[in-house]
Amino acid sequence: LLSPNTSVHGAATEGCRDGWVYDRSTFTSTIVSEWDLVCDNQGLKPMGQSIYMAGVLLGSVSWGFLSDRFGRKPVLSWCCLQVALANTGTIFASNFLIYCGLRFLSAFGAAGIIMIPATLMVEWTTTRRRAVTVTVLGCSYSLGQMALGALAFTLRDWRALQTAVSMPFFAIFLISWWLPESARWLIITGKPEQALQELRKVARINGHKEATKSLTVEVLAASMEEELASVKARRSVLDLFLVPTLRWRSCSMFLVRSAWCPECGEGHSFKTFKASSALPGAPLYPLLFRSQAGKLLTCFSQMISYYGLVLDLQNLGSDIFLLQVLFGAVDLLGRATTTFLLSFLGHRMTLASFQAMAGLSILANIFVPQDLQTVRVVFAVLGKGCFGISLTSINVYKPELYPTTLRMTADGFLQSVGRLGAVMGPLVRMTRQAVPLLAPVSYGVIPIVSSLVLLFFLPETRGLPLPDTIQDLENQKSAAAKGKRQEVVITESTWF
């Protein structure tokens, strides 16, 4: 027998022969208790989270390219069906490996559902109403978070909860077939007849019957001759970076204030399609690269801090269900005010300022003692609300920086970089025992730095029509320099 006053290092340990007893006061059943993800298997739980994030990351790149190639509507419908089937399949998973595989497929499809609706709404909405529609979409995420908290409180078994969140996707899949395809995408990819059908359908729904007569293939063809000439030019993510020389020139332009201005045109859903070349010249690409580089940093900083904040819920010491609903409620209130903020402050300033405020809220919690839980919750909720506003703002701002031919490809690339931040969020959090301040300081400083980059190196886009080609980006710059307003046409069919 060992003496009670001695210690032995390297003594052999014995695994639990009779299984484990779990605390079921919060949840009656979880994947941890289902497959005993404890002790030697405790590393499988974060591995499952990483597999899910990997699915979102790969899906972001894939669906962005596919939706630019085959259209927004069919890709969105497929993503809804894939998520519905994969989520339902996890209910019947017999082991953790199958569960992770199905979760990967679910995350892969969820990436498309996250990306495509915002782009589809923006491409169908007039300039003046763009912020309103994206804000409504953002509020639906907040309502979903609140509903999830209520469902989790009611359904304490993970299979029952998984069933409840899977069924709506079957209904969404059926509804998605009634959605119109993006007329912008149809026009820019050389399908004017289909675009005309969609435009007439929307005009009829919106009560503009006279537009159904005035809109003809000849009218569309006459206004986009050069766009049709450039249809054969294939675009890819490489167009966002192109050649090393232009890349370095673009990096040097980070020090130059953007020449875009919000007064260069009111704009609506469809403007006149003017000059466009199949092979744009070198001066065009620095504009695109500057937008891409700044948005990469913005998306990365948002996701690493956002997920770091959300995953830190358990350390706030309060009821997890109540916090979930509270976070959703504050997020809803924040997102609901985004439309007014975008109109008053501008798209770039709203995104930058509230992203910085979210970082400051996280930094403020560093100085609050652990025993002051109410104060810590207040700062955490404030940070979540600011992130809600910034996430809604970026969904308005991001499509305005890229042409229709590359919009979803760029969005997919940005989403994938953002998911890298989401993966790094919990990894940074794992360093708390060795370096306690590294995680909160990182979560707070990164969004503040990215907000400064946003202010200094990216343009304001309030009031500007969506660019359809890379040439449009240069035209917007020229219009701003000359003080001209951009001409717009074919707007009647897209008014709400």
Protein backbone atom coordinates (compact mmCIF):
# COMPACT_ATOMS: atom_id res chain seq x y z
CA LEU A 1 0.00 0.00 0.00
CA LEU A 2 1.13 3.53 -0.72
CA SER A 3 1.81 5.83 2.18
CA PRO A 4 -0.63 8.75 2.29
CA ASN A 5 2.35 11.12 2.56
CA THR A 6 4.11 9.91 -0.60
CA SER A 7 3.46 10.43 -4.29
CA VAL A 8 4.22 8.17 -7.21
CA HIS A 9 4.88 9.52 -10.69
CA GLY A 10 4.18 7.43 -13.76
CA ALA A 11 1.89 4.99 -11.96
CA ALA A 12 -0.29 2.98 -14.34
CA THR A 13 -3.94 3.99 -14.62
CA GLU A 14 -6.87 1.75 -15.30
CA GLY A 15 -9.80 2.61 -17.53
CA CYS A 16 -13.36 2.62 -16.27
CA ARG A 17 -14.69 -0.93 -16.58
CA ASP A 18 -18.27 -0.15 -15.62
CA GLY A 19 -18.81 2.87 -17.89
CA TRP A 20 -19.50 6.47 -16.91
CA VAL A 21 -22.24 8.31 -15.09
CA TYR A 22 -23.21 11.60 -16.75
CA ASP A 23 -24.83 14.73 -15.39
CA ARG A 24 -28.24 14.77 -17.09
CA SER A 25 -29.64 17.81 -15.29
CA THR A 26 -29.24 20.03 -18.37
CA PHE A 27 -29.57 17.54 -21.26
CA THR A 28 -30.94 14.03 -21.00
CA SER A 29 -28.81 12.85 -23.91
CA THR A 30 -25.92 14.34 -25.89
CA ILE A 31 -23.38 13.01 -28.38
CA VAL A 32 -20.89 12.93 -25.50
CA SER A 33 -23.02 10.54 -23.48
CA GLU A 34 -24.14 8.67 -26.61
CA TRP A 35 -20.63 7.65 -27.66
CA ASP A 36 -18.69 8.24 -24.41
CA LEU A 37 -16.56 11.12 -25.68
CA VAL A 38 -14.71 11.43 -22.37
CA CYS A 39 -11.32 10.48 -20.92
CA ASP A 40 -9.29 8.91 -23.74
CA ASN A 41 -11.97 9.88 -26.27
CA GLN A 42 -12.49 13.47 -25.16
CA GLY A 43 -10.46 14.75 -28.12
CA LEU A 44 -13.10 13.42 -30.52
CA LYS A 45 -15.55 16.17 -29.56
CA PRO A 46 -13.42 19.10 -30.83
CA MET A 47 -12.47 16.94 -33.80
CA GLY A 48 -16.16 16.73 -34.69
CA GLN A 49 -16.42 20.52 -34.49
CA SER A 50 -13.38 20.88 -36.75
CA ILE A 51 -14.88 18.47 -39.29
CA TYR A 52 -18.06 20.55 -39.37
CA MET A 53 -16.09 23.78 -39.89
CA ALA A 54 -14.07 22.08 -42.63
CA GLY A 55 -17.32 21.26 -44.40
CA VAL A 56 -18.42 24.90 -44.25
CA LEU A 57 -15.01 26.06 -45.47
CA LEU A 58 -14.94 23.73 -48.49
CA GLY A 59 -18.60 24.36 -49.22
CA SER A 60 -18.04 28.11 -49.30
CA VAL A 61 -15.46 27.81 -52.06
CA SER A 62 -17.42 25.19 -54.02
CA TRP A 63 -20.88 26.74 -53.94
CA GLY A 64 -19.54 30.20 -54.73
CA PHE A 65 -17.98 28.93 -57.94
CA LEU A 66 -20.93 26.69 -58.85
CA SER A 67 -23.53 29.42 -58.34
CA ASP A 68 -21.57 31.73 -60.64
CA ARG A 69 -21.39 28.91 -63.18
CA PHE A 70 -24.86 27.33 -63.01
CA GLY A 71 -27.00 29.97 -61.33
CA ARG A 72 -28.14 30.93 -57.84
CA LYS A 73 -31.49 29.16 -57.73
CA PRO A 74 -30.55 25.53 -58.60
CA VAL A 75 -27.53 25.60 -56.29
CA LEU A 76 -29.61 26.98 -53.42
CA SER A 77 -32.28 24.30 -53.92
CA TRP A 78 -29.68 21.54 -53.91
CA CYS A 79 -28.06 22.92 -50.75
CA CYS A 80 -31.41 22.92 -48.95
CA LEU A 81 -32.06 19.30 -49.92
CA GLN A 82 -28.55 18.22 -48.94
CA VAL A 83 -28.81 19.85 -45.51
CA ALA A 84 -32.25 18.33 -44.93
CA LEU A 85 -31.12 14.80 -45.81
CA ALA A 86 -27.77 14.99 -44.01
CA ASN A 87 -29.27 16.46 -40.84
CA THR A 88 -31.98 13.81 -40.80
CA GLY A 89 -29.39 11.11 -41.37
CA THR A 90 -27.45 12.08 -38.24
CA ILE A 91 -30.45 11.01 -36.17
CA PHE A 92 -29.90 7.42 -37.28
CA ALA A 93 -26.08 7.47 -37.03
CA SER A 94 -24.89 4.27 -35.35
CA ASN A 95 -21.43 5.55 -34.44
CA PHE A 96 -19.48 8.77 -34.12
CA LEU A 97 -17.63 8.33 -37.43
CA ILE A 98 -20.87 8.17 -39.42
CA TYR A 99 -22.20 11.11 -37.41
CA CYS A 100 -19.15 13.23 -38.32
CA GLY A 101 -19.44 12.28 -41.99
CA LEU A 102 -23.08 13.35 -42.13
CA ARG A 103 -22.29 16.54 -40.24
CA PHE A 104 -19.62 17.31 -42.84
CA LEU A 105 -22.18 16.93 -45.64
CA SER A 106 -24.63 19.08 -43.71
CA ALA A 107 -22.03 21.81 -43.19
CA PHE A 108 -21.03 21.61 -46.85
CA GLY A 109 -24.61 22.37 -47.88
CA ALA A 110 -25.17 24.92 -45.12
CA ALA A 111 -22.37 27.04 -46.59
CA GLY A 112 -24.48 27.57 -49.70
CA ILE A 113 -27.57 28.44 -47.67
CA ILE A 114 -25.54 31.05 -45.78
CA MET A 115 -24.12 32.66 -48.93
CA ILE A 116 -26.65 32.50 -51.74
CA PRO A 117 -29.86 34.04 -50.27
CA ALA A 118 -28.14 37.34 -49.43
CA THR A 119 -26.64 37.61 -52.91
CA LEU A 120 -29.90 36.65 -54.60
CA MET A 121 -31.80 39.27 -52.59
CA VAL A 122 -29.24 41.97 -53.30
CA GLU A 123 -29.29 41.25 -57.04
CA TRP A 124 -33.09 41.59 -57.13
CA THR A 125 -33.37 44.69 -54.96
CA THR A 126 -33.18 48.35 -55.87
CA THR A 127 -30.34 50.42 -54.46
CA ARG A 128 -32.57 52.33 -52.04
CA ARG A 129 -34.10 49.17 -50.59
CA ARG A 130 -31.01 46.97 -50.56
CA ALA A 131 -30.18 47.60 -46.90
CA VAL A 132 -33.76 46.93 -45.79
CA THR A 133 -34.02 43.52 -47.44
CA VAL A 134 -30.64 42.33 -46.19
CA THR A 135 -31.52 43.56 -42.68
CA VAL A 136 -34.73 41.53 -42.74
CA LEU A 137 -32.70 38.49 -43.76
CA GLY A 138 -30.27 39.14 -40.90
CA CYS A 139 -33.14 39.41 -38.41
CA SER A 140 -34.29 35.94 -39.44
CA TYR A 141 -30.96 34.56 -38.20
CA SER A 142 -31.53 36.19 -34.83
CA LEU A 143 -35.06 34.79 -34.61
CA GLY A 144 -33.65 31.37 -35.44
CA GLN A 145 -31.13 31.65 -32.61
CA MET A 146 -33.89 32.53 -30.15
CA ALA A 147 -36.04 29.67 -31.42
CA LEU A 148 -33.11 27.28 -31.06
CA GLY A 149 -32.68 28.27 -27.42
CA ALA A 150 -36.37 27.64 -26.77
CA LEU A 151 -36.29 24.30 -28.62
CA ALA A 152 -33.20 23.15 -26.72
CA PHE A 153 -34.90 24.04 -23.45
CA THR A 154 -37.97 21.99 -24.44
CA LEU A 155 -36.22 19.07 -26.15
CA ARG A 156 -33.34 17.95 -23.93
CA ASP A 157 -32.49 14.89 -26.07
CA TRP A 158 -30.06 15.57 -28.92
CA ARG A 159 -31.87 13.33 -31.40
CA ALA A 160 -35.19 15.03 -30.76
CA LEU A 161 -33.56 18.45 -31.11
CA GLN A 162 -31.83 17.36 -34.32
CA THR A 163 -35.17 16.20 -35.74
CA ALA A 164 -36.79 19.53 -34.91
CA VAL A 165 -34.12 21.58 -36.68
CA SER A 166 -33.98 19.25 -39.71
CA MET A 167 -37.63 19.24 -40.78
CA PRO A 168 -37.85 22.93 -41.82
CA PHE A 169 -35.20 22.40 -44.49
CA PHE A 170 -37.51 20.06 -46.42
CA ALA A 171 -40.11 22.84 -46.54
CA ILE A 172 -37.45 25.37 -47.56
CA PHE A 173 -36.35 23.03 -50.35
CA LEU A 174 -39.88 22.97 -51.78
CA ILE A 175 -40.29 26.73 -51.45
CA SER A 176 -36.96 27.39 -53.17
CA TRP A 177 -38.35 26.14 -56.49
CA TRP A 178 -40.70 29.13 -56.58
CA LEU A 179 -37.85 31.62 -56.22
CA PRO A 180 -36.84 33.57 -59.34
CA GLU A 181 -33.36 33.15 -60.74
CA SER A 182 -31.17 36.25 -60.63
CA ALA A 183 -31.96 38.26 -63.75
CA ARG A 184 -28.60 39.97 -63.39
CA TRP A 185 -26.82 36.64 -63.59
CA LEU A 186 -28.96 35.50 -66.53
CA ILE A 187 -28.21 38.68 -68.46
CA ILE A 188 -24.50 38.70 -67.78
CA THR A 189 -24.17 35.01 -68.74
CA GLY A 190 -25.91 35.48 -72.09
CA LYS A 191 -29.43 34.24 -71.31
CA PRO A 192 -31.59 37.29 -72.07
CA GLU A 193 -34.74 35.30 -72.88
CA GLN A 194 -34.80 33.65 -69.45
CA ALA A 195 -33.93 36.97 -67.82
CA LEU A 196 -36.86 38.59 -69.60
CA GLN A 197 -39.23 35.92 -68.27
CA GLU A 198 -38.03 36.50 -64.72
CA LEU A 199 -38.26 40.29 -65.07
CA ARG A 200 -41.82 40.08 -66.38
CA LYS A 201 -42.78 37.70 -63.59
CA VAL A 202 -41.46 40.05 -60.92
CA ALA A 203 -43.05 43.06 -62.64
CA ARG A 204 -46.42 41.28 -62.59
CA ILE A 205 -46.06 40.37 -58.91
CA ASN A 206 -45.13 43.96 -58.04
CA GLY A 207 -48.14 45.31 -59.91
CA HIS A 208 -46.25 46.94 -62.80
CA LYS A 209 -48.18 45.43 -65.66
CA GLU A 210 -47.04 48.12 -68.09
CA ALA A 211 -43.44 46.95 -67.66
CA THR A 212 -44.34 43.51 -69.02
CA LYS A 213 -45.11 45.16 -72.38
CA SER A 214 -42.15 47.52 -72.52
CA LEU A 215 -39.60 44.84 -71.61
CA THR A 216 -38.53 42.94 -74.72
CA VAL A 217 -35.51 40.96 -75.81
CA GLU A 218 -34.67 43.76 -78.23
CA VAL A 219 -34.60 46.32 -75.41
CA LEU A 220 -32.30 44.13 -73.35
CA ALA A 221 -30.06 43.29 -76.30
CA ALA A 222 -29.73 46.94 -77.32
CA SER A 223 -28.61 47.97 -73.84
CA MET A 224 -26.05 45.22 -73.29
CA GLU A 225 -24.38 44.59 -76.64
CA GLU A 226 -20.87 44.67 -75.23
CA GLU A 227 -21.82 42.51 -72.22
CA LEU A 228 -23.06 39.85 -74.62
CA ALA A 229 -19.77 40.12 -76.49
CA SER A 230 -17.87 39.28 -73.30
CA VAL A 231 -20.00 36.28 -72.35
CA LYS A 232 -17.35 33.78 -73.48
CA ALA A 233 -14.79 35.15 -71.03
CA ARG A 234 -14.54 32.75 -68.10
CA ARG A 235 -13.96 34.13 -64.64
CA SER A 236 -12.36 32.41 -61.66
CA VAL A 237 -10.93 33.19 -58.26
CA LEU A 238 -7.59 33.82 -60.01
CA ASP A 239 -9.09 36.97 -61.50
CA LEU A 240 -9.23 38.38 -57.97
CA PHE A 241 -5.43 38.33 -57.74
CA LEU A 242 -4.16 37.96 -61.30
CA VAL A 243 -0.38 38.57 -61.69
CA PRO A 244 2.31 39.33 -59.06
CA THR A 245 3.09 42.79 -60.46
CA LEU A 246 -0.51 43.91 -60.09
CA ARG A 247 -0.66 42.30 -56.67
CA TRP A 248 2.23 44.39 -55.38
CA ARG A 249 0.80 47.52 -56.98
CA SER A 250 -2.47 46.80 -55.25
CA CYS A 251 -0.74 46.40 -51.90
CA SER A 252 0.87 49.81 -52.36
CA MET A 253 -2.57 51.27 -53.04
CA PHE A 254 -3.62 50.37 -49.49
CA LEU A 255 -2.08 53.71 -48.54
CA VAL A 256 -4.25 55.61 -50.97
CA ARG A 257 -7.74 56.71 -50.03
CA SER A 258 -10.43 55.32 -52.28
CA ALA A 259 -11.82 57.60 -54.98
CA TRP A 260 -15.31 56.09 -54.87
CA CYS A 261 -17.97 58.37 -53.43
CA PRO A 262 -21.65 57.92 -52.53
CA GLU A 263 -22.77 60.92 -54.57
CA CYS A 264 -21.88 59.45 -57.96
CA GLY A 265 -25.31 58.02 -58.63
CA GLU A 266 -28.59 56.96 -57.06
CA GLY A 267 -28.97 53.75 -59.03
CA HIS A 268 -31.56 51.00 -58.86
CA SER A 269 -31.68 47.30 -59.46
CA PHE A 270 -30.66 47.39 -63.13
CA LYS A 271 -28.61 50.15 -64.70
CA THR A 272 -27.78 50.67 -68.35
CA PHE A 273 -25.22 48.13 -69.47
CA LYS A 274 -22.38 50.20 -70.91
CA ALA A 275 -18.86 49.47 -72.10
CA SER A 276 -17.27 46.24 -71.01
CA SER A 277 -14.30 44.39 -72.40
CA ALA A 278 -13.71 40.67 -72.51
CA LEU A 279 -10.15 41.13 -71.25
CA PRO A 280 -10.08 44.14 -68.88
CA GLY A 281 -6.83 46.06 -68.71
CA ALA A 282 -4.36 46.10 -65.88
CA PRO A 283 -5.58 49.34 -64.22
CA LEU A 284 -8.89 47.67 -63.31
CA TYR A 285 -7.53 44.87 -61.17
CA PRO A 286 -5.92 46.87 -58.36
CA LEU A 287 -9.40 48.11 -57.44
CA LEU A 288 -10.64 44.55 -57.18
CA PHE A 289 -7.58 43.36 -55.30
CA ARG A 290 -7.81 46.17 -52.76
CA SER A 291 -11.43 45.26 -52.03
CA GLN A 292 -10.55 41.58 -51.78
CA ALA A 293 -7.61 42.07 -49.40
CA GLY A 294 -9.54 44.36 -47.08
CA LYS A 295 -12.58 42.09 -47.03
CA LEU A 296 -10.44 39.03 -46.32
CA LEU A 297 -9.14 40.68 -43.15
CA THR A 298 -12.63 41.86 -42.20
CA CYS A 299 -14.25 38.42 -42.62
CA PHE A 300 -11.40 36.68 -40.81
CA SER A 301 -11.51 39.08 -37.85
CA GLN A 302 -15.29 38.87 -37.58
CA MET A 303 -15.36 35.10 -37.46
CA ILE A 304 -12.44 34.53 -35.09
CA SER A 305 -13.86 37.02 -32.57
CA TYR A 306 -17.51 36.09 -33.09
CA TYR A 307 -16.97 32.38 -32.53
CA GLY A 308 -14.59 33.07 -29.69
CA LEU A 309 -17.32 35.09 -27.99
CA VAL A 310 -20.08 32.55 -28.64
CA LEU A 311 -17.99 29.58 -27.52
CA ASP A 312 -17.23 31.43 -24.30
CA LEU A 313 -20.88 31.29 -23.21
CA GLN A 314 -20.26 28.55 -20.66
CA ASN A 315 -17.74 30.73 -18.82
CA LEU A 316 -20.34 33.41 -18.12
CA GLY A 317 -21.79 31.26 -15.36
CA SER A 318 -25.46 31.73 -16.25
CA ASP A 319 -28.25 29.61 -17.67
CA ILE A 320 -27.17 28.50 -21.15
CA PHE A 321 -30.73 28.50 -22.54
CA LEU A 322 -31.47 31.98 -21.20
CA LEU A 323 -28.20 33.32 -22.58
CA GLN A 324 -28.94 31.82 -25.99
CA VAL A 325 -32.31 33.57 -26.12
CA LEU A 326 -30.85 36.79 -24.68
CA PHE A 327 -28.05 36.84 -27.24
CA GLY A 328 -30.60 36.28 -30.00
CA ALA A 329 -32.87 39.07 -28.71
CA VAL A 330 -30.05 41.60 -28.51
CA ASP A 331 -28.80 40.47 -31.90
CA LEU A 332 -32.30 41.01 -33.30
CA LEU A 333 -32.54 44.52 -31.89
CA GLY A 334 -29.11 45.37 -33.23
CA ARG A 335 -29.82 44.03 -36.70
CA ALA A 336 -33.18 45.81 -36.82
CA THR A 337 -31.43 49.18 -36.46
CA THR A 338 -28.90 48.41 -39.18
CA THR A 339 -31.00 49.96 -41.96
CA PHE A 340 -31.09 53.34 -40.23
CA LEU A 341 -27.39 53.15 -39.37
CA LEU A 342 -26.46 52.33 -42.97
CA SER A 343 -28.49 55.29 -44.21
CA PHE A 344 -27.08 57.69 -41.62
CA LEU A 345 -23.44 56.59 -41.31
CA GLY A 346 -22.87 54.90 -44.66
CA HIS A 347 -22.09 51.27 -45.37
CA ARG A 348 -18.36 51.37 -44.69
CA MET A 349 -18.55 53.47 -41.51
CA THR A 350 -21.34 51.36 -39.99
CA LEU A 351 -19.40 48.15 -40.56
CA ALA A 352 -16.12 49.56 -39.26
CA SER A 353 -17.49 51.36 -36.20
CA PHE A 354 -19.58 48.51 -34.82
CA GLN A 355 -16.87 45.97 -35.50
CA ALA A 356 -14.53 48.15 -33.43
CA MET A 357 -17.17 48.49 -30.69
CA ALA A 358 -17.51 44.71 -30.54
CA GLY A 359 -13.77 44.40 -30.03
CA LEU A 360 -13.82 47.05 -27.29
CA SER A 361 -16.62 45.16 -25.50
CA ILE A 362 -14.51 42.01 -25.46
CA LEU A 363 -11.47 43.92 -24.18
CA ALA A 364 -13.57 45.54 -21.45
CA ASN A 365 -14.47 42.13 -20.04
CA ILE A 366 -10.78 41.49 -19.34
CA PHE A 367 -10.90 44.01 -16.51
CA VAL A 368 -14.16 42.74 -14.98
CA PRO A 369 -13.69 40.29 -12.06
CA GLN A 370 -15.15 36.80 -12.44
CA ASP A 371 -17.52 37.33 -9.50
CA LEU A 372 -19.28 40.23 -11.27
CA GLN A 373 -21.18 37.94 -13.61
CA THR A 374 -23.91 40.47 -14.41
CA VAL A 375 -21.40 43.01 -15.69
CA ARG A 376 -19.60 40.35 -17.72
CA VAL A 377 -22.88 39.25 -19.30
CA VAL A 378 -23.72 42.87 -20.17
CA PHE A 379 -20.42 43.37 -22.01
CA ALA A 380 -20.74 40.00 -23.75
CA VAL A 381 -24.30 40.76 -24.88
CA LEU A 382 -23.21 44.22 -26.05
CA GLY A 383 -20.41 42.66 -28.08
CA LYS A 384 -22.81 40.13 -29.59
CA GLY A 385 -25.19 42.93 -30.57
CA CYS A 386 -22.39 44.89 -32.24
CA PHE A 387 -21.30 41.79 -34.12
CA GLY A 388 -24.90 41.34 -35.27
CA ILE A 389 -24.90 44.83 -36.77
CA SER A 390 -21.51 44.32 -38.41
CA LEU A 391 -22.50 40.94 -39.86
CA THR A 392 -25.66 42.45 -41.35
CA SER A 393 -23.68 45.41 -42.68
CA ILE A 394 -21.12 43.18 -44.37
CA ASN A 395 -23.90 41.33 -46.20
CA VAL A 396 -24.97 44.68 -47.66
CA TYR A 397 -21.47 45.99 -48.28
CA LYS A 398 -19.78 42.87 -49.66
CA PRO A 399 -21.87 42.38 -52.86
CA GLU A 400 -21.37 46.05 -53.73
CA LEU A 401 -17.60 45.54 -54.09
CA TYR A 402 -17.67 42.82 -56.77
CA PRO A 403 -19.13 42.48 -60.28
CA THR A 404 -21.90 39.99 -61.01
CA THR A 405 -19.49 37.77 -62.96
CA LEU A 406 -17.35 37.23 -59.84
CA ARG A 407 -19.70 38.06 -56.98
CA MET A 408 -20.41 34.55 -55.70
CA THR A 409 -16.87 33.34 -56.41
CA ALA A 410 -15.49 36.20 -54.33
CA ASP A 411 -18.12 35.63 -51.66
CA GLY A 412 -17.18 31.97 -51.45
CA PHE A 413 -13.52 32.81 -51.09
CA LEU A 414 -14.30 35.37 -48.38
CA GLN A 415 -16.52 32.90 -46.58
CA SER A 416 -13.77 30.28 -46.61
CA VAL A 417 -11.28 32.73 -45.11
CA GLY A 418 -13.89 33.69 -42.54
CA ARG A 419 -14.27 30.03 -41.63
CA LEU A 420 -10.53 29.83 -41.08
CA GLY A 421 -11.12 32.48 -38.45
CA ALA A 422 -13.95 30.39 -37.05
CA VAL A 423 -11.61 27.40 -36.79
CA MET A 424 -8.90 29.48 -35.13
CA GLY A 425 -11.33 30.98 -32.60
CA PRO A 426 -11.58 27.83 -30.43
CA LEU A 427 -7.90 27.03 -31.04
CA VAL A 428 -6.87 30.38 -29.59
CA ARG A 429 -9.24 29.74 -26.72
CA MET A 430 -7.36 26.52 -25.90
CA THR A 431 -4.29 28.59 -24.89
CA ARG A 432 -6.02 30.03 -21.84
CA GLN A 433 -4.26 27.80 -19.35
CA ALA A 434 -0.79 28.69 -20.65
CA VAL A 435 -1.45 32.34 -21.62
CA PRO A 436 -4.72 33.51 -19.98
CA LEU A 437 -4.89 36.90 -21.72
CA LEU A 438 -4.04 35.75 -25.25
CA ALA A 439 -7.58 34.72 -26.23
CA PRO A 440 -9.55 37.79 -25.01
CA VAL A 441 -6.89 40.22 -26.24
CA SER A 442 -6.84 38.54 -29.66
CA TYR A 443 -10.63 38.53 -29.90
CA GLY A 444 -10.71 42.24 -29.06
CA VAL A 445 -7.73 43.63 -30.94
CA ILE A 446 -8.22 41.86 -34.28
CA PRO A 447 -11.64 43.42 -35.11
CA ILE A 448 -10.37 46.87 -34.07
CA VAL A 449 -7.38 46.60 -36.40
CA SER A 450 -9.56 45.34 -39.26
CA SER A 451 -11.98 48.25 -38.77
CA LEU A 452 -9.08 50.68 -39.30
CA VAL A 453 -8.10 48.85 -42.49
CA LEU A 454 -11.71 49.05 -43.61
CA LEU A 455 -11.85 52.82 -43.06
CA PHE A 456 -8.59 53.65 -44.78
CA PHE A 457 -8.41 51.22 -47.68
CA LEU A 458 -11.95 50.36 -48.86
CA PRO A 459 -14.51 52.59 -50.62
CA GLU A 460 -17.91 53.85 -49.51
CA THR A 461 -20.67 52.28 -51.62
CA ARG A 462 -23.85 53.88 -50.30
CA GLY A 463 -26.18 54.83 -53.14
CA LEU A 464 -24.14 53.05 -55.82
CA PRO A 465 -25.72 50.49 -58.18
CA LEU A 466 -24.27 47.00 -58.17
CA PRO A 467 -21.37 46.56 -60.61
CA ASP A 468 -21.97 43.89 -63.24
CA THR A 469 -18.51 43.73 -64.81
CA ILE A 470 -14.97 44.59 -63.79
CA GLN A 471 -15.21 47.56 -66.15
CA ASP A 472 -18.07 48.90 -64.01
CA LEU A 473 -15.68 49.23 -61.08
CA GLU A 474 -13.53 51.58 -63.15
CA ASN A 475 -16.61 53.39 -64.45
CA GLN A 476 -17.74 54.07 -60.89
CA LYS A 477 -14.35 55.57 -60.11
CA SER A 478 -14.45 57.72 -63.26
CA ALA A 479 -18.02 58.83 -62.54
CA ALA A 480 -17.04 59.87 -59.04
CA ALA A 481 -14.06 61.85 -60.34
CA LYS A 482 -16.16 63.67 -62.97
CA GLY A 483 -19.20 64.13 -60.71
CA LYS A 484 -21.49 62.27 -63.09
CA ARG A 485 -24.54 60.27 -62.12
CA GLN A 486 -24.73 56.78 -63.54
CA GLU A 487 -27.65 56.11 -65.86
CA VAL A 488 -30.17 53.49 -64.75
CA VAL A 489 -32.88 51.66 -66.67
CA ILE A 490 -35.19 48.67 -66.33
CA THR A 491 -36.01 49.58 -62.75
CA GLU A 492 -39.79 49.37 -62.79
CA SER A 493 -39.92 45.59 -62.66
CA THR A 494 -37.83 45.32 -59.51
CA TRP A 495 -39.54 47.91 -57.31
CA PHE A 496 -41.23 46.67 -54.15
